[in-house]
N, C-alpha and C. Protein backbone atom coordinates (compact mmCIF):
# COMPACT_ATOMS: atom_id res chain seq x y z
N MET A 1 15.00 -194.76 74.12
CA MET A 1 13.52 -194.03 74.12
C MET A 1 13.51 -192.89 73.42
N LYS A 2 12.49 -192.44 72.42
CA LYS A 2 12.72 -191.35 71.59
C LYS A 2 11.98 -190.43 71.99
N GLY A 3 10.99 -190.55 72.84
CA GLY A 3 10.26 -189.33 73.38
C GLY A 3 9.32 -189.91 74.83
N ILE A 4 8.56 -188.75 75.46
CA ILE A 4 7.90 -188.85 76.65
C ILE A 4 6.77 -188.26 76.21
N LEU A 5 5.78 -188.94 76.16
CA LEU A 5 4.14 -188.17 75.93
C LEU A 5 3.52 -187.63 77.35
N ILE A 6 3.02 -186.36 77.51
CA ILE A 6 2.63 -186.09 78.77
C ILE A 6 1.26 -185.76 78.69
N ASN A 7 0.15 -186.25 79.48
CA ASN A 7 -1.20 -185.91 79.47
C ASN A 7 -1.52 -184.40 80.07
N THR A 8 -0.80 -183.65 79.44
CA THR A 8 -1.35 -182.43 79.76
C THR A 8 -0.90 -181.50 78.93
N PHE A 9 -1.24 -179.77 79.16
CA PHE A 9 -1.05 -178.88 77.84
C PHE A 9 -0.20 -177.81 78.42
N GLU A 10 0.50 -177.09 77.61
CA GLU A 10 1.84 -176.06 78.15
C GLU A 10 1.18 -175.37 79.33
N GLU A 11 0.21 -174.59 79.10
CA GLU A 11 -0.59 -173.50 79.54
C GLU A 11 -0.95 -173.86 80.92
N LEU A 12 -1.34 -175.21 81.04
CA LEU A 12 -1.83 -175.56 82.22
C LEU A 12 -0.58 -176.10 83.22
N GLU A 13 0.60 -176.61 82.74
CA GLU A 13 1.98 -177.05 83.62
C GLU A 13 2.97 -176.82 82.85
N SER A 14 3.00 -175.51 82.49
CA SER A 14 4.32 -174.89 82.07
C SER A 14 5.81 -175.22 82.86
N HIS A 15 5.27 -174.80 83.98
CA HIS A 15 6.62 -175.08 84.98
C HIS A 15 6.96 -176.29 84.91
N VAL A 16 6.56 -177.17 84.81
CA VAL A 16 6.78 -178.60 85.06
C VAL A 16 7.32 -179.20 83.69
N ILE A 17 6.54 -178.72 82.44
CA ILE A 17 7.56 -178.85 81.24
C ILE A 17 8.68 -178.25 81.00
N TYR A 18 8.79 -177.10 81.53
CA TYR A 18 9.86 -176.55 81.44
C TYR A 18 11.11 -176.59 82.10
N SER A 19 10.74 -177.17 83.72
CA SER A 19 12.00 -177.90 84.57
C SER A 19 12.45 -178.97 84.04
N LEU A 20 11.64 -179.91 83.48
CA LEU A 20 11.83 -181.35 83.01
C LEU A 20 12.77 -181.44 81.48
N SER A 21 12.34 -180.30 80.71
CA SER A 21 12.75 -180.37 79.38
C SER A 21 14.36 -179.37 79.50
N THR A 22 14.51 -178.60 81.18
CA THR A 22 15.84 -177.82 80.98
C THR A 22 16.88 -178.52 81.80
N ASP A 23 16.43 -179.19 82.38
CA ASP A 23 17.69 -180.00 83.43
C ASP A 23 18.42 -180.90 82.82
N SER A 24 19.41 -180.77 82.22
CA SER A 24 20.40 -181.44 81.40
C SER A 24 20.89 -182.73 82.28
N SER A 25 20.67 -182.46 83.69
CA SER A 25 21.29 -183.61 84.68
C SER A 25 20.19 -184.99 84.74
N LEU A 26 18.76 -184.76 84.47
CA LEU A 26 17.85 -185.77 83.86
C LEU A 26 18.25 -186.84 82.39
N GLN A 27 18.54 -186.15 81.59
CA GLN A 27 18.88 -186.82 80.09
C GLN A 27 17.97 -187.34 79.85
N LEU A 28 16.84 -186.42 79.69
CA LEU A 28 15.33 -186.56 79.09
C LEU A 28 15.47 -186.75 77.86
N PRO A 29 14.94 -187.81 77.06
CA PRO A 29 14.42 -187.57 75.79
C PRO A 29 13.77 -186.33 75.49
N PRO A 30 13.02 -185.83 74.28
CA PRO A 30 12.21 -184.71 74.28
C PRO A 30 10.75 -185.08 74.90
N LEU A 31 9.99 -184.12 75.69
CA LEU A 31 8.93 -184.25 75.92
C LEU A 31 7.71 -183.30 75.11
N TYR A 32 6.65 -184.60 74.80
CA TYR A 32 5.67 -183.99 74.28
C TYR A 32 4.25 -183.81 75.07
N SER A 33 3.71 -182.64 75.24
CA SER A 33 2.68 -182.37 75.58
C SER A 33 1.34 -182.44 74.83
N VAL A 34 0.58 -183.74 75.23
CA VAL A 34 -0.44 -184.06 74.09
C VAL A 34 -1.79 -183.91 74.71
N GLY A 35 -1.87 -183.79 76.21
CA GLY A 35 -3.32 -183.55 76.57
C GLY A 35 -4.49 -182.69 75.79
N PRO A 36 -5.50 -182.80 76.67
CA PRO A 36 -5.99 -183.70 77.45
C PRO A 36 -6.14 -184.89 76.17
N VAL A 37 -5.90 -186.16 76.69
CA VAL A 37 -6.24 -187.33 76.32
C VAL A 37 -7.32 -187.77 76.31
N LEU A 38 -8.32 -188.06 77.67
CA LEU A 38 -9.09 -188.89 77.56
C LEU A 38 -10.12 -187.90 78.01
N HIS A 39 -11.35 -188.39 77.14
CA HIS A 39 -12.46 -187.71 77.53
C HIS A 39 -13.24 -188.02 78.92
N LEU A 40 -13.11 -187.13 79.68
CA LEU A 40 -13.45 -188.17 81.35
C LEU A 40 -14.97 -187.56 81.47
N LYS A 41 -15.87 -186.80 80.73
CA LYS A 41 -17.01 -186.37 81.06
C LYS A 41 -18.14 -187.52 80.19
N LYS A 42 -17.39 -188.16 79.42
CA LYS A 42 -18.33 -189.69 78.92
C LYS A 42 -18.15 -190.54 79.83
N ASN A 43 -19.19 -191.46 79.41
CA ASN A 43 -19.02 -192.86 80.38
C ASN A 43 -17.90 -193.58 79.45
N ILE A 44 -17.21 -193.88 80.42
CA ILE A 44 -15.84 -194.79 80.41
C ILE A 44 -16.05 -196.45 79.06
N GLU A 45 -17.24 -196.99 79.54
CA GLU A 45 -17.60 -197.70 78.65
C GLU A 45 -18.38 -197.55 77.24
N THR A 46 -18.71 -196.17 77.02
CA THR A 46 -19.06 -195.63 75.70
C THR A 46 -18.42 -194.94 75.07
N MET A 47 -17.17 -194.70 75.66
CA MET A 47 -16.37 -193.57 74.96
C MET A 47 -15.87 -194.35 73.82
N ASP A 48 -15.56 -193.24 72.43
CA ASP A 48 -14.83 -193.82 71.54
C ASP A 48 -13.42 -193.58 71.84
N ARG A 49 -12.90 -194.98 71.07
CA ARG A 49 -11.03 -194.92 71.43
C ARG A 49 -10.58 -193.96 70.88
N VAL A 50 -10.08 -193.01 71.19
CA VAL A 50 -9.18 -191.88 70.94
C VAL A 50 -8.04 -192.30 70.25
N ASP A 51 -7.53 -191.44 69.30
CA ASP A 51 -6.19 -191.86 68.47
C ASP A 51 -5.31 -192.26 69.34
N VAL A 52 -5.11 -191.73 70.55
CA VAL A 52 -3.75 -191.43 71.52
C VAL A 52 -3.67 -193.45 71.68
N LEU A 53 -4.96 -193.45 72.63
CA LEU A 53 -5.36 -194.82 72.81
C LEU A 53 -5.24 -196.15 71.95
N LYS A 54 -6.00 -195.77 70.93
CA LYS A 54 -5.58 -196.66 69.74
C LYS A 54 -3.99 -196.77 69.44
N TRP A 55 -3.48 -195.44 69.55
CA TRP A 55 -1.72 -195.78 69.01
C TRP A 55 -1.07 -196.69 70.16
N LEU A 56 -1.33 -196.55 71.68
CA LEU A 56 -0.75 -197.43 72.81
C LEU A 56 -0.95 -198.83 72.48
N ASP A 57 -2.45 -199.21 71.74
CA ASP A 57 -2.80 -200.01 72.03
C ASP A 57 -2.13 -200.74 70.69
N ASP A 58 -1.39 -200.10 69.68
CA ASP A 58 -1.00 -200.86 68.71
C ASP A 58 0.48 -201.04 68.98
N GLN A 59 1.12 -200.43 69.93
CA GLN A 59 2.68 -200.61 69.97
C GLN A 59 3.01 -201.78 70.65
N PRO A 60 4.24 -202.71 70.62
CA PRO A 60 4.37 -204.07 71.14
C PRO A 60 4.52 -203.86 72.36
N PRO A 61 4.08 -205.09 73.42
CA PRO A 61 3.72 -205.26 74.52
C PRO A 61 4.95 -204.45 75.39
N PRO A 62 6.06 -204.83 75.49
CA PRO A 62 7.29 -203.94 76.51
C PRO A 62 7.72 -202.88 75.81
N SER A 63 7.06 -201.45 75.41
CA SER A 63 7.84 -200.83 74.29
C SER A 63 6.83 -199.83 74.91
N VAL A 64 6.10 -199.34 75.72
CA VAL A 64 5.25 -198.13 76.33
C VAL A 64 5.08 -198.66 77.62
N VAL A 65 4.80 -197.28 78.71
CA VAL A 65 4.91 -197.59 79.88
C VAL A 65 3.91 -196.44 80.33
N PHE A 66 2.74 -197.05 80.33
CA PHE A 66 1.37 -195.56 80.58
C PHE A 66 1.21 -195.35 81.91
N LEU A 67 1.85 -194.02 82.62
CA LEU A 67 1.65 -193.90 83.86
C LEU A 67 0.37 -193.08 84.05
N CYS A 68 -0.57 -192.70 84.79
CA CYS A 68 -1.31 -191.80 85.35
C CYS A 68 -1.66 -191.57 86.57
N PHE A 69 -1.08 -190.34 87.21
CA PHE A 69 -1.40 -189.68 88.48
C PHE A 69 -2.49 -189.04 88.71
N GLY A 70 -3.13 -188.69 87.80
CA GLY A 70 -4.28 -187.76 87.71
C GLY A 70 -3.96 -186.81 87.54
N SER A 71 -4.73 -185.42 87.56
CA SER A 71 -4.36 -184.35 86.94
C SER A 71 -3.89 -183.42 88.63
N ARG A 72 -4.06 -184.34 89.43
CA ARG A 72 -3.70 -183.00 90.59
C ARG A 72 -2.70 -184.12 91.41
N GLY A 73 -2.09 -185.00 90.78
CA GLY A 73 -0.84 -185.66 91.25
C GLY A 73 0.37 -184.93 91.55
N SER A 74 0.59 -185.15 92.71
CA SER A 74 1.64 -184.33 93.70
C SER A 74 2.72 -185.41 94.27
N PHE A 75 3.78 -185.07 94.10
CA PHE A 75 5.06 -186.15 94.32
C PHE A 75 5.92 -185.35 94.79
N GLU A 76 6.63 -185.44 96.27
CA GLU A 76 8.15 -184.66 96.66
C GLU A 76 9.01 -184.84 95.73
N LYS A 77 10.12 -184.01 95.50
CA LYS A 77 11.53 -184.36 94.44
C LYS A 77 11.88 -185.43 94.34
N ASP A 78 11.90 -186.06 95.74
CA ASP A 78 12.71 -187.38 96.06
C ASP A 78 11.37 -188.62 95.37
N GLN A 79 10.25 -188.46 95.49
CA GLN A 79 9.53 -189.70 94.74
C GLN A 79 9.46 -189.38 93.27
N VAL A 80 9.84 -188.25 92.79
CA VAL A 80 9.78 -188.09 91.16
C VAL A 80 10.98 -188.61 90.56
N GLU A 81 12.02 -188.49 91.44
CA GLU A 81 13.56 -189.04 91.01
C GLU A 81 13.54 -190.58 91.48
N GLU A 82 12.67 -191.06 91.84
CA GLU A 82 12.66 -192.59 92.18
C GLU A 82 11.72 -193.28 90.91
N ILE A 83 10.55 -192.19 90.95
CA ILE A 83 9.71 -193.17 89.79
C ILE A 83 10.62 -192.95 88.27
N GLY A 84 11.41 -191.71 88.11
CA GLY A 84 12.55 -191.45 87.23
C GLY A 84 13.19 -192.66 87.27
N ARG A 85 14.22 -193.05 87.71
CA ARG A 85 15.05 -194.29 87.80
C ARG A 85 14.17 -195.28 87.86
N ALA A 86 13.02 -195.71 88.10
CA ALA A 86 12.42 -197.03 88.09
C ALA A 86 12.56 -197.08 87.08
N LEU A 87 11.82 -196.18 85.92
CA LEU A 87 10.99 -196.22 84.39
C LEU A 87 12.62 -196.75 83.70
N PHE A 88 13.38 -195.66 84.00
CA PHE A 88 14.57 -195.76 83.02
C PHE A 88 15.52 -197.35 83.43
N HIS A 89 15.29 -198.21 84.49
CA HIS A 89 15.46 -198.79 84.33
C HIS A 89 14.70 -200.43 83.88
N LEU A 90 13.21 -200.11 83.51
CA LEU A 90 12.33 -200.80 83.00
C LEU A 90 12.74 -201.67 81.60
N VAL A 91 13.66 -200.92 80.86
CA VAL A 91 14.13 -201.33 79.57
C VAL A 91 15.58 -200.66 79.50
N PRO A 92 16.84 -201.33 80.25
CA PRO A 92 17.83 -200.94 79.93
C PRO A 92 18.44 -200.85 78.30
N PRO A 93 19.55 -199.67 78.01
CA PRO A 93 19.67 -199.48 76.32
C PRO A 93 20.48 -200.89 76.17
N PRO A 94 20.18 -201.33 74.92
CA PRO A 94 21.01 -202.47 74.49
C PRO A 94 22.44 -202.25 74.60
N THR A 95 23.01 -203.04 74.73
CA THR A 95 24.62 -203.34 75.48
C THR A 95 25.57 -204.06 73.74
N VAL A 96 26.88 -203.45 73.87
CA VAL A 96 27.59 -203.71 72.70
C VAL A 96 27.11 -205.57 72.71
N GLY A 97 27.17 -205.78 71.15
CA GLY A 97 27.07 -207.47 70.95
C GLY A 97 25.69 -207.68 71.56
N THR A 98 24.71 -206.91 71.58
CA THR A 98 23.19 -207.56 71.42
C THR A 98 22.57 -206.68 70.20
N LYS A 99 21.17 -207.34 69.96
CA LYS A 99 20.63 -206.67 68.86
C LYS A 99 19.08 -206.94 69.14
N TRP A 100 18.46 -206.11 69.16
CA TRP A 100 16.88 -205.75 69.46
C TRP A 100 15.89 -206.64 68.33
N ASP A 101 15.10 -207.49 68.42
CA ASP A 101 14.37 -208.06 67.32
C ASP A 101 12.90 -207.70 67.49
N GLU A 102 12.21 -206.89 66.34
CA GLU A 102 11.27 -206.41 66.27
C GLU A 102 10.32 -207.48 66.44
N ASN A 103 10.46 -208.17 65.49
CA ASN A 103 9.22 -209.29 65.46
C ASN A 103 9.05 -210.05 67.10
N SER A 104 10.26 -210.53 67.37
CA SER A 104 10.10 -210.85 68.78
C SER A 104 9.73 -209.87 70.23
N ASN A 105 10.24 -209.03 69.97
CA ASN A 105 10.16 -207.97 70.98
C ASN A 105 11.10 -208.28 72.00
N ARG A 106 12.50 -208.58 71.81
CA ARG A 106 13.33 -209.87 72.35
C ARG A 106 15.16 -208.61 72.31
N LEU A 107 15.56 -209.09 73.21
CA LEU A 107 16.92 -208.81 73.21
C LEU A 107 17.62 -209.90 72.86
N TYR A 108 19.16 -209.94 71.91
CA TYR A 108 19.34 -211.22 71.72
C TYR A 108 21.11 -210.80 71.92
N LYS A 109 21.86 -211.74 71.92
CA LYS A 109 23.01 -211.75 71.77
C LYS A 109 23.87 -212.09 70.87
N LEU A 110 24.52 -211.25 70.03
CA LEU A 110 24.84 -211.03 68.82
C LEU A 110 26.26 -212.71 68.66
């Protein structure tokens, strides 16, 4: 995993971004605050596709996980840790003797 996109901006949730970025025990890749991503005041059916949504659509099916808990999502520490563990188990890192095939989006033994 090369990075995590977060639908927020630094001025709104600097404490969260700082906490996740500086806790070395989490072993997270770089965090990128890219929000707000969605134009919620527009009707969702007539909304123009924004660049981020197009980018998400263009990615191989198993390569992106999009989670949205709303702007007021609130979780206990244990819940956040559980979500994090689950996400890291979705796509385990390749092991020695395997190769990722970009065309089929599958992991193969060598």
